[in-house]
């Protein structure tokens, strides 16, 4: 079993987020062509929260979302999980 260092894991997470962004872009295009509304989860969150979540700092993103919106913990977790 091989272990990954922090830099390798960070690279993998970045690759995953880039791929997910591409999938969301395609979903938005397909939804528009089909006439079905599609709201990107990231559109509902402040940009600081999105950046924290995309950098892998989910706890920081939850805290920042609560700080900026006054949301309860459950709501903040749900929003961040959807990013």
Protein backbone atom coordinates (compact mmCIF):
# COMPACT_ATOMS: atom_id res chain seq x y z
CA UNK A 1 0.00 0.00 0.00
CA UNK A 2 1.45 3.36 -0.96
CA UNK A 3 0.96 6.51 1.02
CA UNK A 4 0.35 9.88 -0.60
CA UNK A 5 1.89 13.08 0.64
CA UNK A 6 -0.07 16.29 1.15
CA UNK A 7 1.01 17.75 -2.19
CA UNK A 8 -0.14 14.65 -4.09
CA UNK A 9 -3.49 14.61 -2.29
CA UNK A 10 -3.97 18.30 -2.95
CA UNK A 11 -3.28 17.70 -6.63
CA UNK A 12 -5.84 14.89 -6.74
CA UNK A 13 -8.47 17.08 -5.06
CA UNK A 14 -7.76 19.88 -7.55
CA UNK A 15 -8.21 17.46 -10.44
CA UNK A 16 -11.50 16.23 -9.01
CA UNK A 17 -12.84 19.76 -8.57
CA UNK A 18 -11.84 20.73 -12.11
CA UNK A 19 -13.61 17.66 -13.45
CA UNK A 20 -16.72 18.38 -11.38
CA UNK A 21 -16.73 21.96 -12.66
CA UNK A 22 -16.68 20.63 -16.21
CA UNK A 23 -19.57 18.29 -15.42
CA UNK A 24 -21.56 21.18 -13.91
CA UNK A 25 -20.88 23.29 -16.99
CA UNK A 26 -22.20 20.51 -19.24
CA UNK A 27 -25.22 19.97 -16.99
CA UNK A 28 -26.05 23.67 -17.16
CA UNK A 29 -25.84 23.61 -20.98
CA UNK A 30 -27.98 20.49 -21.26
CA UNK A 31 -30.52 21.86 -18.80
CA UNK A 32 -30.78 25.11 -20.73
CA UNK A 33 -31.28 23.28 -24.04
CA UNK A 34 -33.93 21.05 -22.44
CA UNK A 35 -35.68 24.03 -20.89
CA UNK A 36 -35.15 22.67 -17.40
CA UNK A 37 -33.89 25.13 -14.79
CA UNK A 38 -30.59 24.28 -13.14
CA UNK A 39 -29.12 26.21 -10.24
CA UNK A 40 -25.47 25.58 -9.60
CA UNK A 41 -24.86 24.92 -5.91
CA UNK A 42 -21.92 27.35 -5.95
CA UNK A 43 -24.23 30.14 -7.11
CA UNK A 44 -26.03 30.05 -3.76
CA UNK A 45 -22.91 30.40 -1.61
CA UNK A 46 -20.64 33.40 -1.06
CA UNK A 47 -17.45 33.24 -3.11
CA UNK A 48 -15.27 33.00 0.03
CA UNK A 49 -17.15 29.87 1.06
CA UNK A 50 -16.82 28.32 -2.40
CA UNK A 51 -13.07 28.96 -2.42
CA UNK A 52 -12.60 27.40 1.02
CA UNK A 53 -14.61 24.34 0.04
CA UNK A 54 -12.76 23.93 -3.25
CA UNK A 55 -9.42 24.19 -1.47
CA UNK A 56 -10.43 21.27 0.73
CA UNK A 57 -11.17 23.29 3.89
CA UNK A 58 -14.73 22.10 4.40
CA UNK A 59 -14.83 23.01 8.09
CA UNK A 60 -13.54 26.50 7.30
CA UNK A 61 -16.18 26.81 4.57
CA UNK A 62 -18.94 25.82 7.00
CA UNK A 63 -17.71 28.32 9.59
CA UNK A 64 -17.43 31.09 6.99
CA UNK A 65 -20.92 30.34 5.62
CA UNK A 66 -22.38 30.58 9.13
CA UNK A 67 -20.46 33.78 9.80
CA UNK A 68 -21.62 35.44 6.59
CA UNK A 69 -25.22 34.24 6.56
CA UNK A 70 -26.15 33.55 10.18
CA UNK A 71 -27.23 30.04 9.16
CA UNK A 72 -27.53 27.13 11.55
CA UNK A 73 -24.91 24.37 11.45
CA UNK A 74 -27.11 21.90 9.56
CA UNK A 75 -27.93 24.36 6.80
CA UNK A 76 -24.27 25.39 6.46
CA UNK A 77 -23.16 21.77 6.22
CA UNK A 78 -25.79 21.05 3.57
CA UNK A 79 -24.70 24.02 1.46
CA UNK A 80 -21.01 23.17 1.71
CA UNK A 81 -21.64 19.50 0.93
CA UNK A 82 -23.40 20.60 -2.25
CA UNK A 83 -20.43 22.59 -3.49
